[in-house]
Amino acid sequence: MGPLIALAMVALPGGVHGDADSTVPVGKARRLAAVLDERRVPHEMHLYAGADHVFDANRSPGSAGQDAWARTVAFLRAH
């Protein structure tokens, strides 16, 4: 297991990712989610259509960023 997977198993509760991310390819996010699934690590993965990197900086009402933050907070409260 690589160091990023080990870190993710401890520190990455929920995955929110833009499917048009130009910094971190969506395939890497999917691969990380698959590894977490295999290891039965609680997590969630939600992809946002057309969203690029740091899309969650915009948290205006109804935005993908607002939804991403709400999902992250809900996950943290549940776990």
Protein backbone atom coordinates (compact mmCIF):
# COMPACT_ATOMS: atom_id res chain seq x y z
CA MET A 1 0.00 0.00 0.00
CA GLY A 2 1.38 3.38 -0.96
CA PRO A 3 1.61 6.33 1.42
CA LEU A 4 -1.28 8.19 -0.20
CA ILE A 5 -3.59 5.21 0.23
CA ALA A 6 -2.51 4.91 3.87
CA LEU A 7 -3.19 8.60 4.41
CA ALA A 8 -6.57 8.36 2.70
CA MET A 9 -7.57 5.46 4.92
CA VAL A 10 -7.05 7.70 7.94
CA ALA A 11 -7.87 11.18 6.67
CA LEU A 12 -10.22 11.01 3.69
CA PRO A 13 -13.79 10.60 4.87
CA GLY A 14 -15.72 11.53 1.80
CA GLY A 15 -14.79 11.94 -1.79
CA VAL A 16 -16.17 14.85 -3.73
CA HIS A 17 -14.52 15.25 -7.08
CA GLY A 18 -15.16 17.02 -10.33
CA ASP A 19 -15.23 14.75 -13.34
CA ALA A 20 -13.45 17.46 -15.35
CA ASP A 21 -10.65 17.98 -12.79
CA SER A 22 -7.57 19.12 -14.69
CA THR A 23 -5.26 18.72 -11.67
CA VAL A 24 -6.22 15.33 -10.24
CA PRO A 25 -7.66 13.05 -12.93
CA VAL A 26 -11.00 11.54 -12.02
CA GLY A 27 -9.55 8.08 -12.64
CA LYS A 28 -7.29 8.51 -9.61
CA ALA A 29 -10.27 9.40 -7.43
CA ARG A 30 -12.14 6.34 -8.70
CA ARG A 31 -9.10 4.14 -8.06
CA LEU A 32 -8.79 5.46 -4.50
CA ALA A 33 -12.49 4.77 -3.89
CA ALA A 34 -12.04 1.23 -5.19
CA VAL A 35 -9.12 0.59 -2.83
CA LEU A 36 -11.11 1.97 0.09
CA ASP A 37 -14.03 -0.29 -0.92
CA GLU A 38 -11.72 -3.31 -1.02
CA ARG A 39 -10.40 -2.50 2.44
CA ARG A 40 -13.89 -1.76 3.76
CA VAL A 41 -12.92 1.76 4.83
CA PRO A 42 -16.00 3.95 5.35
CA HIS A 43 -16.10 6.61 2.68
CA GLU A 44 -18.34 8.15 0.10
CA MET A 45 -17.64 9.17 -3.47
CA HIS A 46 -19.63 11.76 -5.34
CA LEU A 47 -18.64 13.08 -8.76
CA TYR A 48 -19.78 16.48 -10.00
CA ALA A 49 -20.37 16.69 -13.75
CA GLY A 50 -18.23 19.30 -15.47
CA ALA A 51 -16.52 20.42 -12.26
CA ASP A 52 -12.81 21.26 -12.29
CA HIS A 53 -10.32 21.30 -9.40
CA VAL A 54 -11.31 23.38 -6.32
CA PHE A 55 -14.90 23.70 -7.54
CA ASP A 56 -16.01 23.62 -3.90
CA ALA A 57 -14.52 27.08 -3.25
CA ASN A 58 -17.84 28.47 -4.53
CA ARG A 59 -20.36 27.66 -1.81
CA SER A 60 -23.20 29.83 -3.02
CA PRO A 61 -26.73 28.44 -2.54
CA GLY A 62 -27.53 25.67 -4.98
CA SER A 63 -23.93 25.29 -6.18
CA ALA A 64 -21.95 22.06 -6.43
CA GLY A 65 -19.58 23.52 -3.85
CA GLN A 66 -22.37 23.97 -1.34
CA ASP A 67 -23.52 20.40 -1.95
CA ALA A 68 -19.96 19.07 -1.59
CA TRP A 69 -19.50 20.81 1.75
CA ALA A 70 -22.89 19.60 3.00
CA ARG A 71 -22.00 16.01 2.04
CA THR A 72 -18.61 16.27 3.77
CA VAL A 73 -20.09 17.66 6.98
CA ALA A 74 -22.83 15.02 6.99
CA PHE A 75 -20.25 12.27 6.55
CA LEU A 76 -18.12 13.61 9.39
CA ARG A 77 -21.15 13.81 11.68
CA ALA A 78 -22.14 10.26 10.84
CA HIS A 79 -18.68 8.82 11.36
